[in-house]
C-alpha atoms as a PDB file:
ATOM      1  CA  MET A   1       0.000   0.000   0.000  1.00  0.00           C
ATOM      2  CA  LEU A   2       1.350   3.402  -1.009  1.00  0.00           C
ATOM      3  CA  GLY A   3       0.082   6.614   0.549  1.00  0.00           C
ATOM      4  CA  SER A   4       1.159  10.145   1.284  1.00  0.00           C
ATOM      5  CA  GLY A   5       1.553  12.234   4.369  1.00  0.00           C
ATOM      6  CA  GLN A   6      -0.204  15.592   4.352  1.00  0.00           C
ATOM      7  CA  LEU A   7       3.181  17.321   4.591  1.00  0.00           C
ATOM      8  CA  THR A   8       3.758  16.387   0.942  1.00  0.00           C
ATOM      9  CA  ALA A   9       0.988  18.798  -0.080  1.00  0.00           C
ATOM     10  CA  VAL A  10       0.812  20.977   3.007  1.00  0.00           C
ATOM     11  CA  SER A  11      -0.745  23.945   1.210  1.00  0.00           C
ATOM     12  CA  MET A  12      -3.918  22.002   0.425  1.00  0.00           C
ATOM     13  CA  THR A  13      -6.987  21.622   2.590  1.00  0.00           C
ATOM     14  CA  PRO A  14      -7.535  18.098   3.916  1.00  0.00           C
ATOM     15  CA  THR A  15     -10.386  17.448   1.481  1.00  0.00           C
ATOM     16  CA  ALA A  16      -8.426  18.781  -1.510  1.00  0.00           C
ATOM     17  CA  PHE A  17      -5.425  16.695  -0.448  1.00  0.00           C
ATOM     18  CA  ILE A  18      -7.539  13.530  -0.263  1.00  0.00           C
ATOM     19  CA  GLU A  19      -9.058  14.241  -3.671  1.00  0.00           C
ATOM     20  CA  ALA A  20      -5.611  14.842  -5.153  1.00  0.00           C
ATOM     21  CA  ALA A  21      -4.354  11.618  -3.577  1.00  0.00           C
ATOM     22  CA  GLY A  22      -7.234   9.733  -5.153  1.00  0.00           C
ATOM     23  CA  ASP A  23      -6.598  11.316  -8.540  1.00  0.00           C
ATOM     24  CA  ALA A  24      -2.906  10.411  -8.243  1.00  0.00           C
ATOM     25  CA  GLY A  25      -3.769   6.761  -7.629  1.00  0.00           C
ATOM     26  CA  LEU A  26      -2.640   6.623  -4.012  1.00  0.00           C
ATOM     27  CA  ASP A  27      -4.188   4.097  -1.650  1.00  0.00           C
ATOM     28  CA  ALA A  28      -4.037   6.042   1.599  1.00  0.00           C
ATOM     29  CA  VAL A  29      -3.178   9.277   3.373  1.00  0.00           C
ATOM     30  CA  SER A  30      -2.114  10.559   6.744  1.00  0.00           C
ATOM     31  CA  LEU A  31      -3.800  13.692   8.082  1.00  0.00           C
ATOM     32  CA  PHE A  32      -2.935  16.339  10.632  1.00  0.00           C
ATOM     33  CA  VAL A  33      -5.556  16.352  13.374  1.00  0.00           C
ATOM     34  CA  GLN A  34      -3.347  17.928  16.009  1.00  0.00           C
ATOM     35  CA  ALA A  35      -1.126  20.974  15.559  1.00  0.00           C
ATOM     36  CA  PRO A  36       2.510  20.207  16.447  1.00  0.00           C
ATOM     37  CA  GLY A  37       2.930  23.642  18.000  1.00  0.00           C
ATOM     38  CA  PRO A  38       1.216  26.992  18.595  1.00  0.00           C
ATOM     39  CA  GLN A  39       2.704  28.517  15.424  1.00  0.00           C
ATOM     40  CA  SER A  40       1.714  25.616  13.204  1.00  0.00           C
ATOM     41  CA  HIS A  41       0.421  26.455   9.727  1.00  0.00           C
ATOM     42  CA  PHE A  42      -0.894  22.972   9.020  1.00  0.00           C
ATOM     43  CA  ARG A  43      -4.494  22.643   7.895  1.00  0.00           C
ATOM     44  CA  LEU A  44      -6.132  20.364  10.410  1.00  0.00           C
ATOM     45  CA  THR A  45      -8.944  17.858  10.265  1.00  0.00           C
ATOM     46  CA  THR A  46     -11.250  18.606  13.188  1.00  0.00           C
ATOM     47  CA  ALA A  47     -14.833  18.092  14.282  1.00  0.00           C
ATOM     48  CA  GLN A  48     -15.719  21.134  12.187  1.00  0.00           C
ATOM     49  CA  ASN A  49     -14.715  19.614   8.836  1.00  0.00           C
ATOM     50  CA  LEU A  50     -15.126  15.960   9.800  1.00  0.00           C
ATOM     51  CA  SER A  51     -18.151  15.373   7.543  1.00  0.00           C
ATOM     52  CA  ALA A  52     -16.458  16.864   4.494  1.00  0.00           C
ATOM     53  CA  VAL A  53     -13.292  14.828   5.083  1.00  0.00           C
ATOM     54  CA  ARG A  54     -15.288  11.641   5.600  1.00  0.00           C
ATOM     55  CA  LYS A  55     -17.105  12.285   2.310  1.00  0.00           C
ATOM     56  CA  ALA A  56     -13.827  12.887   0.474  1.00  0.00           C
ATOM     57  CA  LEU A  57     -12.430   9.586   1.775  1.00  0.00           C
ATOM     58  CA  SER A  58     -15.607   7.766   0.766  1.00  0.00           C
ATOM     59  CA  ASP A  59     -15.838   9.362  -2.674  1.00  0.00           C
ATOM     60  CA  THR A  60     -12.209   8.655  -3.563  1.00  0.00           C
ATOM     61  CA  GLY A  61     -11.793   5.270  -1.901  1.00  0.00           C
ATOM     62  CA  VAL A  62      -8.661   6.577  -0.189  1.00  0.00           C
ATOM     63  CA  THR A  63      -7.985   5.116   3.270  1.00  0.00           C
ATOM     64  CA  LEU A  64      -6.899   7.123   6.294  1.00  0.00           C
ATOM     65  CA  LYS A  65      -3.968   5.251   7.834  1.00  0.00           C
ATOM     66  CA  ASN A  66      -2.318   7.625  10.278  1.00  0.00           C
ATOM     67  CA  ILE A  67      -3.136  10.781  12.217  1.00  0.00           C
ATOM     68  CA  GLU A  68      -0.588  13.267  13.509  1.00  0.00           C
ATOM     69  CA  CYS A  69       1.104  15.077  15.108  1.00  0.00           C
ATOM     70  CA  PHE A  70       1.130  14.259  18.826  1.00  0.00           C
ATOM     71  CA  MET A  71       4.156  15.976  20.339  1.00  0.00           C
ATOM     72  CA  LEU A  72       5.184  14.876  23.817  1.00  0.00           C
ATOM     73  CA  THR A  73       6.909  17.703  25.690  1.00  0.00           C
ATOM     74  CA  PRO A  74       7.487  18.275  29.406  1.00  0.00           C
ATOM     75  CA  LYS A  75       4.299  20.367  29.522  1.00  0.00           C
ATOM     76  CA  THR A  76       2.038  18.049  27.510  1.00  0.00           C
ATOM     77  CA  ASP A  77      -1.402  17.319  28.908  1.00  0.00           C
ATOM     78  CA  ILE A  78      -2.300  14.018  27.256  1.00  0.00           C
ATOM     79  CA  SER A  79      -6.015  14.499  27.959  1.00  0.00           C
ATOM     80  CA  GLN A  80      -5.988  17.429  25.530  1.00  0.00           C
ATOM     81  CA  PHE A  81      -5.307  14.958  22.698  1.00  0.00           C
ATOM     82  CA  ARG A  82      -8.591  13.105  23.160  1.00  0.00           C
ATOM     83  CA  PRO A  83     -10.718  15.181  20.702  1.00  0.00           C
ATOM     84  CA  ALA A  84      -8.123  14.804  17.941  1.00  0.00           C
ATOM     85  CA  ILE A  85      -7.888  11.045  18.532  1.00  0.00           C
ATOM     86  CA  GLU A  86     -11.674  10.790  18.449  1.00  0.00           C
ATOM     87  CA  THR A  87     -11.680  12.592  15.107  1.00  0.00           C
ATOM     88  CA  GLY A  88      -9.107  10.224  13.629  1.00  0.00           C
ATOM     89  CA  SER A  89     -10.933   7.197  14.936  1.00  0.00           C
ATOM     90  CA  ALA A  90     -14.206   8.400  13.423  1.00  0.00           C
ATOM     91  CA  LEU A  91     -12.465   8.513  10.037  1.00  0.00           C
ATOM     92  CA  GLY A  92     -11.023   5.001  10.320  1.00  0.00           C
ATOM     93  CA  ALA A  93      -7.385   5.752  11.165  1.00  0.00           C
ATOM     94  CA  THR A  94      -5.345   2.756  12.270  1.00  0.00           C
ATOM     95  CA  HIS A  95      -2.636   4.531  14.274  1.00  0.00           C
ATOM     96  CA  LEU A  96      -1.306   7.880  15.403  1.00  0.00           C
ATOM     97  CA  THR A  97       2.203   9.270  15.316  1.00  0.00           C
ATOM     98  CA  THR A  98       3.930  10.700  18.350  1.00  0.00           C
ATOM     99  CA  ILE A  99       7.242  12.581  18.539  1.00  0.00           C
ATOM    100  CA  LEU A 100       9.247  12.774  21.750  1.00  0.00           C
ATOM    101  CA  TYR A 101      10.491  16.285  22.556  1.00  0.00           C
ATOM    102  CA  ASP A 102      11.382  15.400  26.134  1.00  0.00           C
ATOM    103  CA  ASP A 103      14.424  13.738  27.713  1.00  0.00           C
ATOM    104  CA  ASP A 104      12.897  12.657  31.023  1.00  0.00           C
ATOM    105  CA  GLU A 105      12.420   8.901  30.786  1.00  0.00           C
ATOM    106  CA  GLN A 106       9.820   8.463  33.504  1.00  0.00           C
ATOM    107  CA  ARG A 107       7.707  11.352  32.237  1.00  0.00           C
ATOM    108  CA  VAL A 108       7.927  10.091  28.663  1.00  0.00           C
ATOM    109  CA  ARG A 109       6.932   6.601  29.744  1.00  0.00           C
ATOM    110  CA  ASP A 110       3.989   7.976  31.724  1.00  0.00           C
ATOM    111  CA  HIS A 111       2.877  10.100  28.779  1.00  0.00           C
ATOM    112  CA  LEU A 112       3.187   7.203  26.351  1.00  0.00           C
ATOM    113  CA  GLU A 113       1.172   4.921  28.612  1.00  0.00           C
ATOM    114  CA  GLN A 114      -1.573   7.539  28.907  1.00  0.00           C
ATOM    115  CA  LEU A 115      -1.534   8.160  25.162  1.00  0.00           C
ATOM    116  CA  GLY A 116      -1.633   4.436  24.482  1.00  0.00           C
ATOM    117  CA  MET A 117      -4.667   3.987  26.709  1.00  0.00           C
ATOM    118  CA  ILE A 118      -6.656   6.733  24.953  1.00  0.00           C
ATOM    119  CA  ALA A 119      -5.589   5.434  21.550  1.00  0.00           C
ATOM    120  CA  ALA A 120      -6.621   1.889  22.487  1.00  0.00           C
ATOM    121  CA  GLU A 121     -10.049   3.119  23.603  1.00  0.00           C
ATOM    122  CA  HIS A 122     -10.522   4.286  20.013  1.00  0.00           C
ATOM    123  CA  GLY A 123      -8.968   1.288  18.271  1.00  0.00           C
ATOM    124  CA  LEU A 124      -5.688   2.979  17.331  1.00  0.00           C
ATOM    125  CA  GLY A 125      -2.081   1.952  17.716  1.00  0.00           C
ATOM    126  CA  VAL A 126       0.730   4.383  18.533  1.00  0.00           C
ATOM    127  CA  ALA A 127       3.789   4.847  16.321  1.00  0.00           C
ATOM    128  CA  ILE A 128       6.871   6.633  17.647  1.00  0.00           C
ATOM    129  CA  GLU A 129       8.773   8.666  15.057  1.00  0.00           C
ATOM    130  CA  PHE A 130      12.418   9.208  15.940  1.00  0.00           C
ATOM    131  CA  MET A 131      14.314  12.249  14.628  1.00  0.00           C
ATOM    132  CA  ALA A 132      18.005  13.080  14.957  1.00  0.00           C
ATOM    133  CA  PHE A 133      17.285  16.599  16.224  1.00  0.00           C
ATOM    134  CA  THR A 134      15.091  15.560  19.167  1.00  0.00           C
ATOM    135  CA  PRO A 135      16.721  15.483  22.638  1.00  0.00           C
ATOM    136  CA  ARG A 136      16.616  11.729  23.291  1.00  0.00           C
ATOM    137  CA  TRP A 137      15.397   8.510  21.635  1.00  0.00           C
ATOM    138  CA  ASN A 138      16.629  10.095  18.418  1.00  0.00           C
ATOM    139  CA  ARG A 139      18.061   6.917  16.900  1.00  0.00           C
ATOM    140  CA  LEU A 140      16.309   3.829  15.604  1.00  0.00           C
ATOM    141  CA  HIS A 141      17.811   1.489  18.208  1.00  0.00           C
ATOM    142  CA  ALA A 142      16.971   3.874  21.076  1.00  0.00           C
ATOM    143  CA  ALA A 143      13.352   4.296  20.011  1.00  0.00           C
ATOM    144  CA  SER A 144      12.979   0.552  19.510  1.00  0.00           C
ATOM    145  CA  ALA A 145      14.509  -0.137  22.940  1.00  0.00           C
ATOM    146  CA  LEU A 146      11.997   2.251  24.489  1.00  0.00           C
ATOM    147  CA  ILE A 147       9.188   0.276  22.867  1.00  0.00           C
ATOM    148  CA  ASP A 148      10.704  -2.957  24.183  1.00  0.00           C
ATOM    149  CA  SER A 149      10.642  -1.497  27.690  1.00  0.00           C
ATOM    150  CA  LEU A 150       6.959  -0.595  27.371  1.00  0.00           C
ATOM    151  CA  ALA A 151       6.134  -4.235  26.588  1.00  0.00           C
ATOM    152  CA  ASP A 152       2.957  -3.175  24.788  1.00  0.00           C
ATOM    153  CA  PRO A 153       2.269  -4.377  21.204  1.00  0.00           C
ATOM    154  CA  ARG A 154       0.234  -1.248  20.491  1.00  0.00           C
ATOM    155  CA  PHE A 155       3.504   0.688  20.169  1.00  0.00           C
ATOM    156  CA  ARG A 156       5.455   0.568  16.914  1.00  0.00           C
ATOM    157  CA  LEU A 157       7.809   2.760  14.887  1.00  0.00           C
ATOM    158  CA  VAL A 158       7.649   5.207  12.021  1.00  0.00           C
ATOM    159  CA  VAL A 159      10.854   4.972   9.990  1.00  0.00           C
ATOM    160  CA  ASP A 160      11.351   8.129   7.949  1.00  0.00           C
ATOM    161  CA  CYS A 161      14.147   7.662   5.397  1.00  0.00           C
ATOM    162  CA  LEU A 162      15.638  11.094   6.057  1.00  0.00           C
ATOM    163  CA  HIS A 163      15.586  10.733   9.845  1.00  0.00           C
ATOM    164  CA  LEU A 164      17.102   7.253   9.532  1.00  0.00           C
ATOM    165  CA  VAL A 165      20.021   8.528   7.461  1.00  0.00           C
ATOM    166  CA  ARG A 166      20.613  11.683   9.505  1.00  0.00           C
ATOM    167  CA  SER A 167      20.653   9.646  12.721  1.00  0.00           C
ATOM    168  CA  GLY A 168      23.264   7.248  11.342  1.00  0.00           C
ATOM    169  CA  GLY A 169      20.888   4.347  10.867  1.00  0.00           C
ATOM    170  CA  SER A 170      20.933   1.805   8.060  1.00  0.00           C
ATOM    171  CA  ALA A 171      18.858  -0.773   6.247  1.00  0.00           C
ATOM    172  CA  ALA A 172      20.625  -3.441   8.292  1.00  0.00           C
ATOM    173  CA  ASP A 173      19.364  -1.786  11.476  1.00  0.00           C
ATOM    174  CA  VAL A 174      15.809  -1.919  10.136  1.00  0.00           C
ATOM    175  CA  ALA A 175      16.188  -5.557   9.121  1.00  0.00           C
ATOM    176  CA  ALA A 176      17.298  -6.401  12.674  1.00  0.00           C
ATOM    177  CA  LEU A 177      14.109  -5.052  14.266  1.00  0.00           C
ATOM    178  CA  PRO A 178      11.550  -7.440  15.761  1.00  0.00           C
ATOM    179  CA  ALA A 179       8.864  -8.581  13.346  1.00  0.00           C
ATOM    180  CA  GLY A 180       5.996  -6.109  13.087  1.00  0.00           C
ATOM    181  CA  ARG A 181       7.896  -3.303  14.793  1.00  0.00           C
ATOM    182  CA  VAL A 182       7.551  -0.840  11.870  1.00  0.00           C
ATOM    183  CA  ALA A 183       4.110   0.641  11.251  1.00  0.00           C
ATOM    184  CA  THR A 184       5.117   3.026   8.461  1.00  0.00           C
ATOM    185  CA  VAL A 185       8.108   3.734   6.249  1.00  0.00           C
ATOM    186  CA  GLN A 186       8.127   7.315   5.009  1.00  0.00           C
ATOM    187  CA  LEU A 187       9.800   7.583   1.633  1.00  0.00           C
ATOM    188  CA  CYS A 188      11.990  10.442   0.450  1.00  0.00           C
ATOM    189  CA  ASP A 189      15.589  10.929  -0.664  1.00  0.00           C
ATOM    190  CA  SER A 190      18.549  13.280  -0.348  1.00  0.00           C
ATOM    191  CA  LEU A 191      21.863  13.945  -2.083  1.00  0.00           C
ATOM    192  CA  ASP A 192      23.481  14.220   1.349  1.00  0.00           C
ATOM    193  CA  THR A 193      23.898  10.885   3.141  1.00  0.00           C
ATOM    194  CA  SER A 194      25.810  12.172   6.160  1.00  0.00           C
ATOM    195  CA  ALA A 195      24.674  11.799   9.761  1.00  0.00           C
ATOM    196  CA  HIS A 196      24.028  15.087  11.572  1.00  0.00           C
ATOM    197  CA  ALA A 197      21.260  16.853  13.482  1.00  0.00           C
ATOM    198  CA  ASP A 198      21.218  20.171  11.620  1.00  0.00           C
ATOM    199  CA  TYR A 199      18.581  19.362   9.006  1.00  0.00           C
ATOM    200  CA  LEU A 200      15.280  20.757  10.283  1.00  0.00           C
ATOM    201  CA  GLU A 201      14.782  22.946   7.202  1.00  0.00           C
ATOM    202  CA  GLU A 202      15.591  20.079   4.867  1.00  0.00           C
ATOM    203  CA  ALA A 203      13.084  17.860   6.648  1.00  0.00           C
ATOM    204  CA  GLY A 204      10.355  20.457   6.233  1.00  0.00           C
ATOM    205  CA  VAL A 205      10.898  21.812   2.748  1.00  0.00           C
ATOM    206  CA  ARG A 206      13.847  20.304   0.847  1.00  0.00           C
ATOM    207  CA  ARG A 207      13.359  16.588   0.371  1.00  0.00           C
ATOM    208  CA  LEU A 208      13.730  14.688  -2.887  1.00  0.00           C
ATOM    209  CA  GLY A 209      11.525  11.943  -4.246  1.00  0.00           C
ATOM    210  CA  PRO A 210      12.609   8.311  -3.803  1.00  0.00           C
ATOM    211  CA  GLY A 211      15.382   7.410  -6.224  1.00  0.00           C
ATOM    212  CA  GLN A 212      16.304  11.030  -6.932  1.00  0.00           C
ATOM    213  CA  GLY A 213      19.100  11.163  -4.365  1.00  0.00           C
ATOM    214  CA  SER A 214      21.893   9.054  -2.946  1.00  0.00           C
ATOM    215  CA  CYS A 215      20.310   7.337   0.053  1.00  0.00           C
ATOM    216  CA  ALA A 216      20.429   3.534   0.140  1.00  0.00           C
ATOM    217  CA  LEU A 217      16.699   3.172  -0.401  1.00  0.00           C
ATOM    218  CA  SER A 218      16.841  -0.038  -2.420  1.00  0.00           C
ATOM    219  CA  GLU A 219      18.545  -1.725   0.509  1.00  0.00           C
ATOM    220  CA  LEU A 220      15.944  -0.261   2.858  1.00  0.00           C
ATOM    221  CA  MET A 221      13.100  -1.645   0.754  1.00  0.00           C
ATOM    222  CA  ALA A 222      14.734  -5.072   0.883  1.00  0.00           C
ATOM    223  CA  ALA A 223      14.820  -4.808   4.688  1.00  0.00           C
ATOM    224  CA  VAL A 224      11.196  -3.731   5.093  1.00  0.00           C
ATOM    225  CA  GLU A 225       8.664  -6.462   5.756  1.00  0.00           C
ATOM    226  CA  PRO A 226       6.233  -7.205   2.916  1.00  0.00           C
ATOM    227  CA  GLY A 227       2.943  -5.409   3.419  1.00  0.00           C
ATOM    228  CA  CYS A 228       4.414  -2.573   5.464  1.00  0.00           C
ATOM    229  CA  TYR A 229       2.658   0.721   4.775  1.00  0.00           C
ATOM    230  CA  LEU A 230       4.786   2.980   2.556  1.00  0.00           C
ATOM    231  CA  GLU A 231       4.134   6.701   2.670  1.00  0.00           C
ATOM    232  CA  LEU A 232       5.476   9.612   0.635  1.00  0.00           C
ATOM    233  CA  GLU A 233       6.915  12.450   2.723  1.00  0.00           C
ATOM    234  CA  VAL A 234       8.263  14.856   0.103  1.00  0.00           C
ATOM    235  CA  PRO A 235       7.138  18.445   0.699  1.00  0.00           C
ATOM    236  CA  ASP A 236       7.804  20.962  -2.066  1.00  0.00           C
ATOM    237  CA  PRO A 237       6.615  24.453  -1.077  1.00  0.00           C
ATOM    238  CA  SER A 238       7.930  25.811  -4.381  1.00  0.00           C
ATOM    239  CA  ALA A 239       5.476  23.709  -6.386  1.00  0.00           C
ATOM    240  CA  GLU A 240       2.918  25.966  -8.049  1.00  0.00           C
ATOM    241  CA  ASN A 241       0.394  23.146  -8.184  1.00  0.00           C
ATOM    242  CA  ALA A 242       0.440  20.842  -5.162  1.00  0.00           C
ATOM    243  CA  ALA A 243      -1.889  18.336  -6.826  1.00  0.00           C
ATOM    244  CA  ALA A 244       0.400  18.099  -9.859  1.00  0.00           C
ATOM    245  CA  HIS A 245       3.396  17.666  -7.542  1.00  0.00           C
ATOM    246  CA  LEU A 246       1.634  14.813  -5.764  1.00  0.00           C
ATOM    247  CA  ALA A 247       0.602  13.147  -9.029  1.00  0.00           C
ATOM    248  CA  ALA A 248       4.089  13.329 -10.543  1.00  0.00           C
ATOM    249  CA  LEU A 249       5.692  12.140  -7.316  1.00  0.00           C
ATOM    250  CA  THR A 250       3.307   9.188  -7.103  1.00  0.00           C
ATOM    251  CA  GLN A 251       3.966   8.127 -10.689  1.00  0.00           C
ATOM    252  CA  GLN A 252       7.716   8.401 -10.248  1.00  0.00           C
ATOM    253  CA  THR A 253       7.648   6.520  -6.941  1.00  0.00           C
ATOM    254  CA  ARG A 254       5.530   3.651  -8.234  1.00  0.00           C
ATOM    255  CA  ALA A 255       7.912   3.225 -11.164  1.00  0.00           C
ATOM    256  CA  TRP A 256      10.895   3.314  -8.801  1.00  0.00           C
ATOM    257  CA  LEU A 257       9.301   0.819  -6.425  1.00  0.00           C
ATOM    258  CA  GLN A 258       8.519  -1.570  -9.255  1.00  0.00           C
ATOM    259  CA  GLN A 259      12.037  -1.326 -10.615  1.00  0.00           C
ATOM    260  CA  THR A 260      13.867  -1.644  -7.292  1.00  0.00           C
ATOM    261  CA  ALA A 261      11.644  -3.770  -5.107  1.00  0.00           C
ATOM    262  CA  GLY A 262       8.806  -5.166  -7.195  1.00  0.00           C
ATOM    263  CA  ARG A 263       6.321  -3.250  -5.059  1.00  0.00           C
ATOM    264  CA  GLY A 264       4.927  -0.695  -7.493  1.00  0.00           C
END
């Protein structure tokens, strides 16, 4: 299954994004239901536009896989996430993504347990997305070890290609994970394959499509379990037509997947 995260076409409304995804031939999408911060410019799916988004999903046949973005910080009140989780559940989401902007292990564990309980009440799993520029659990092995310590099968990982490379991870590291550990692989590429934490701008606005850079994506695809959800995460704010960007990216990615991994 190939889908796209909303960040790929962040200028579009949720309904327009879903319609564009359907026109592009994508199977699924992820939607923002929770703003990652007070200055966020993301267009959210909320109770106010729930009916329109539900209709767009129904009309296009596109599936909602993931909802985001649930940031865990020292000041997070997990109960405030409940309305957003309810919205995602009402639209058929299968899991939510959380990002850990906190370095206190006990507080993070408490927050994750609370988040997991609310998610489970609504039939959702929780996927932790690691990023090299977060304060802790910013590597694949560290995030996976945290999940091991929780001993709860509801928790899995999001493996974003850019975050994997920038954190020094590899396809071999992904292949060594326990079966079923990865909920989503987010596909993108870069000409820079070095490991460093100074890439926030690149992550938000300067990614390349799969196969257009130098990352070892073919090896990663060989390491990913069959049936794992693959998602495009390739924002291009310079694109004059976000729908055309999404369509071209989808076509290029399906051809690349078929050529490299037989998954197109």
